[in-house]
Amino acid sequence: MRLDQFSYVTFYDQVADTIQGLASCLGSIFVYVGVHSRFGTRIFTLPEQNGLYIEVLDPLDRPATDVSPFSKAVTKSAAGSDGWLTGFVSVDDASKVEARFGRQTVDGHRVNPDGRDISWKQIGVFATIEEKQLLFFIEWKSPGYPSTGGKAIAKIVNVEMVGDENGDHRLASYQPQDCVRKGG
């Protein structure tokens, strides 16, 4: 299990300014990588030196945007004040996370502008719709990992998760480290 990516969301009419602002702060350039047709979102990525990446998503005016839990989370976050959706943790075997959550992963797929097909499984979206400090889990099913596009200049060096100072029960009940102890 390893930290994989962070997602920032914005609406279509703000995407250029958002990408330019984040790229300027991070000293790097975002790359357009396609559309999540199943989820109704468009994606731009900025690779990081340590194999992570940041993606900027914007919800498109498509039926999937109203149906998919992922798109609902993207739209809700875009309408919020800061735009950060959440982070993703990459796992080698999502079946362990499925067993922990008691439900199945959702397949994701997109085709890069260069024709590369990228597919994955994800789980954890429902929890993050209301609690965006929680993470999604992703299992990559195809080669062509998104952080390999573009030139990695920036590097994420620290990530903090915080909860209520008295012990946030929502974070306590969400224990992905159990999957780590079991080898996942």
Protein backbone atom coordinates (compact mmCIF):
# COMPACT_ATOMS: atom_id res chain seq x y z
CA MET A 1 0.00 0.00 0.00
CA ARG A 2 1.38 3.41 -0.92
CA LEU A 3 0.14 6.96 -1.36
CA ASP A 4 -0.76 7.34 -5.02
CA GLN A 5 -2.35 10.69 -5.88
CA PHE A 6 -4.26 13.74 -4.74
CA SER A 7 -7.28 15.11 -6.56
CA TYR A 8 -8.29 18.73 -6.89
CA VAL A 9 -11.59 19.64 -8.54
CA THR A 10 -12.97 22.71 -10.21
CA PHE A 11 -15.75 23.59 -12.62
CA TYR A 12 -15.21 23.79 -16.38
CA ASP A 13 -15.13 27.59 -16.52
CA GLN A 14 -12.38 27.68 -13.85
CA VAL A 15 -10.19 24.77 -14.94
CA ALA A 16 -7.62 26.83 -16.90
CA ASP A 17 -7.07 29.26 -14.01
CA THR A 18 -6.92 26.40 -11.50
CA ILE A 19 -4.34 24.46 -13.51
CA GLN A 20 -2.26 27.57 -14.14
CA GLY A 21 -2.35 28.59 -10.45
CA LEU A 22 -1.42 25.15 -9.11
CA ALA A 23 1.28 24.68 -11.75
CA SER A 24 2.77 28.05 -10.89
CA CYS A 25 2.84 27.23 -7.16
CA LEU A 26 4.40 23.82 -7.79
CA GLY A 27 6.81 24.93 -10.53
CA SER A 28 5.58 22.29 -12.97
CA ILE A 29 3.10 21.71 -15.80
CA PHE A 30 -0.16 19.76 -15.90
CA VAL A 31 -0.80 17.37 -18.79
CA TYR A 32 -4.27 16.71 -20.26
CA VAL A 33 -4.82 12.95 -19.96
CA GLY A 34 -8.41 12.44 -21.06
CA VAL A 35 -11.93 11.88 -19.82
CA HIS A 36 -13.37 9.39 -17.35
CA SER A 37 -16.33 8.56 -19.58
CA ARG A 38 -17.96 6.38 -16.93
CA PHE A 39 -17.66 9.13 -14.30
CA GLY A 40 -18.24 12.19 -16.50
CA THR A 41 -15.03 13.99 -15.55
CA ARG A 42 -12.09 15.45 -17.46
CA ILE A 43 -8.56 14.95 -16.08
CA PHE A 44 -5.26 16.84 -16.06
CA THR A 45 -2.25 15.43 -14.16
CA LEU A 46 0.97 16.80 -12.74
CA PRO A 47 3.57 14.10 -12.03
CA GLU A 48 5.66 14.30 -8.87
CA GLN A 49 9.27 13.14 -8.46
CA ASN A 50 8.36 10.48 -5.91
CA GLY A 51 5.92 8.68 -8.21
CA LEU A 52 2.84 10.45 -6.86
CA TYR A 53 0.75 12.78 -8.93
CA ILE A 54 -1.80 15.52 -8.52
CA GLU A 55 -4.82 15.51 -10.77
CA VAL A 56 -7.26 18.28 -11.53
CA LEU A 57 -10.74 17.07 -12.40
CA ASP A 58 -13.74 18.93 -13.66
CA PRO A 59 -17.24 17.50 -13.92
CA LEU A 60 -18.60 17.53 -17.46
CA ASP A 61 -22.21 18.06 -18.44
CA ARG A 62 -22.97 14.37 -18.97
CA PRO A 63 -25.52 11.95 -17.52
CA ALA A 64 -22.72 10.07 -15.68
CA THR A 65 -22.04 13.19 -13.61
CA ASP A 66 -25.43 12.82 -11.94
CA VAL A 67 -25.31 9.04 -11.50
CA SER A 68 -21.80 8.01 -10.46
CA PRO A 69 -20.82 8.36 -6.77
CA PHE A 70 -17.35 9.48 -7.88
CA SER A 71 -18.86 12.24 -10.03
CA LYS A 72 -21.15 13.28 -7.21
CA ALA A 73 -18.09 13.59 -4.94
CA VAL A 74 -16.27 15.61 -7.63
CA THR A 75 -19.22 17.95 -8.16
CA LYS A 76 -19.76 18.45 -4.43
CA SER A 77 -16.09 19.21 -3.86
CA ALA A 78 -15.95 21.61 -6.84
CA ALA A 79 -18.84 23.54 -5.32
CA GLY A 80 -16.99 23.72 -1.98
CA SER A 81 -14.55 26.35 -0.88
CA ASP A 82 -11.15 24.73 -1.38
CA GLY A 83 -11.42 22.28 -4.27
CA TRP A 84 -9.43 19.43 -2.72
CA LEU A 85 -11.32 16.16 -3.13
CA THR A 86 -9.10 13.60 -1.40
CA GLY A 87 -6.11 11.35 -1.87
CA PHE A 88 -5.82 7.83 -3.22
CA VAL A 89 -3.86 4.91 -1.80
CA SER A 90 -2.62 2.34 -4.30
CA VAL A 91 -2.94 -1.33 -3.36
CA ASP A 92 -1.70 -4.43 -5.16
CA ASP A 93 -4.85 -6.42 -4.40
CA ALA A 94 -8.12 -4.54 -3.96
CA SER A 95 -9.93 -7.72 -2.88
CA LYS A 96 -8.51 -7.21 0.63
CA VAL A 97 -10.05 -3.74 0.78
CA GLU A 98 -13.32 -5.13 -0.64
CA ALA A 99 -13.41 -7.66 2.19
CA ARG A 100 -12.74 -4.93 4.76
CA PHE A 101 -15.47 -2.63 3.38
CA GLY A 102 -17.92 -5.45 2.62
CA ARG A 103 -18.55 -4.32 -0.95
CA GLN A 104 -17.09 -4.54 -4.45
CA THR A 105 -14.71 -2.19 -6.22
CA VAL A 106 -15.84 -0.13 -9.18
CA ASP A 107 -13.99 -0.42 -12.48
CA GLY A 108 -12.47 2.72 -13.94
CA HIS A 109 -11.13 3.21 -17.44
CA ARG A 110 -9.94 5.93 -19.75
CA VAL A 111 -7.90 6.33 -22.91
CA ASN A 112 -5.07 8.85 -22.91
CA PRO A 113 -4.85 11.26 -25.85
CA ASP A 114 -1.86 9.19 -27.08
CA GLY A 115 -4.11 6.10 -27.29
CA ARG A 116 -2.81 4.33 -24.15
CA ASP A 117 -5.55 2.47 -22.35
CA ILE A 118 -5.54 2.86 -18.56
CA SER A 119 -7.78 0.81 -16.28
CA TRP A 120 -8.14 0.36 -12.53
CA LYS A 121 -10.42 -0.66 -9.70
CA GLN A 122 -11.39 1.82 -6.98
CA ILE A 123 -13.22 1.70 -3.70
CA GLY A 124 -13.94 4.12 -0.87
CA VAL A 125 -15.86 6.80 -2.76
CA PHE A 126 -18.99 6.56 -0.60
CA ALA A 127 -17.02 7.31 2.57
CA THR A 128 -15.35 10.38 1.06
CA ILE A 129 -18.53 12.05 -0.21
CA GLU A 130 -19.19 13.32 3.31
CA GLU A 131 -15.74 12.84 4.88
CA LYS A 132 -13.18 14.06 2.37
CA GLN A 133 -10.28 13.57 4.78
CA LEU A 134 -10.70 9.83 4.12
CA LEU A 135 -8.88 8.21 1.20
CA PHE A 136 -9.97 6.23 -1.85
CA PHE A 137 -8.21 2.96 -2.65
CA ILE A 138 -7.07 2.12 -6.17
CA GLU A 139 -5.63 -0.98 -7.85
CA TRP A 140 -4.03 -0.28 -11.22
CA LYS A 141 -4.92 -2.95 -13.78
CA SER A 142 -2.88 -1.78 -16.77
CA PRO A 143 0.57 -0.40 -17.51
CA GLY A 144 0.92 3.29 -18.22
CA TYR A 145 0.63 4.67 -14.71
CA PRO A 146 -0.56 8.31 -14.92
CA SER A 147 2.44 9.88 -13.19
CA THR A 148 4.69 8.82 -16.08
CA GLY A 149 3.28 11.55 -18.39
CA GLY A 150 5.02 14.91 -18.32
CA LYS A 151 8.17 15.98 -16.50
CA ALA A 152 8.24 15.50 -12.74
CA ILE A 153 9.72 18.59 -11.09
CA ALA A 154 7.83 19.02 -7.81
CA LYS A 155 7.79 16.56 -4.92
CA ILE A 156 5.27 15.99 -2.13
CA VAL A 157 7.30 15.75 1.07
CA ASN A 158 4.65 15.77 3.79
CA VAL A 159 1.00 14.85 4.14
CA GLU A 160 -1.01 15.42 7.31
CA MET A 161 -4.40 14.00 8.20
CA VAL A 162 -6.14 15.66 11.08
CA GLY A 163 -9.29 14.99 13.03
CA ASP A 164 -11.12 16.29 16.05
CA GLU A 165 -8.71 17.03 18.92
CA ASN A 166 -10.77 14.78 21.21
CA GLY A 167 -10.37 11.79 18.93
CA ASP A 168 -12.44 11.90 15.77
CA HIS A 169 -14.55 8.72 15.73
CA ARG A 170 -14.92 8.90 11.94
CA LEU A 171 -11.18 8.51 11.44
CA ALA A 172 -10.95 5.87 14.15
CA SER A 173 -13.55 3.67 12.44
CA TYR A 174 -11.73 3.90 9.10
CA GLN A 175 -8.60 1.84 9.67
CA PRO A 176 -6.88 0.98 6.37
CA GLN A 177 -3.77 -0.06 8.31
CA ASP A 178 -5.51 -3.38 9.02
CA CYS A 179 -5.04 -4.13 5.33
CA VAL A 180 -1.34 -3.25 5.65
CA ARG A 181 -0.82 -5.63 8.59
CA LYS A 182 -2.34 -8.44 6.52
CA GLY A 183 0.11 -7.86 3.68
CA GLY A 184 -2.06 -5.64 1.46
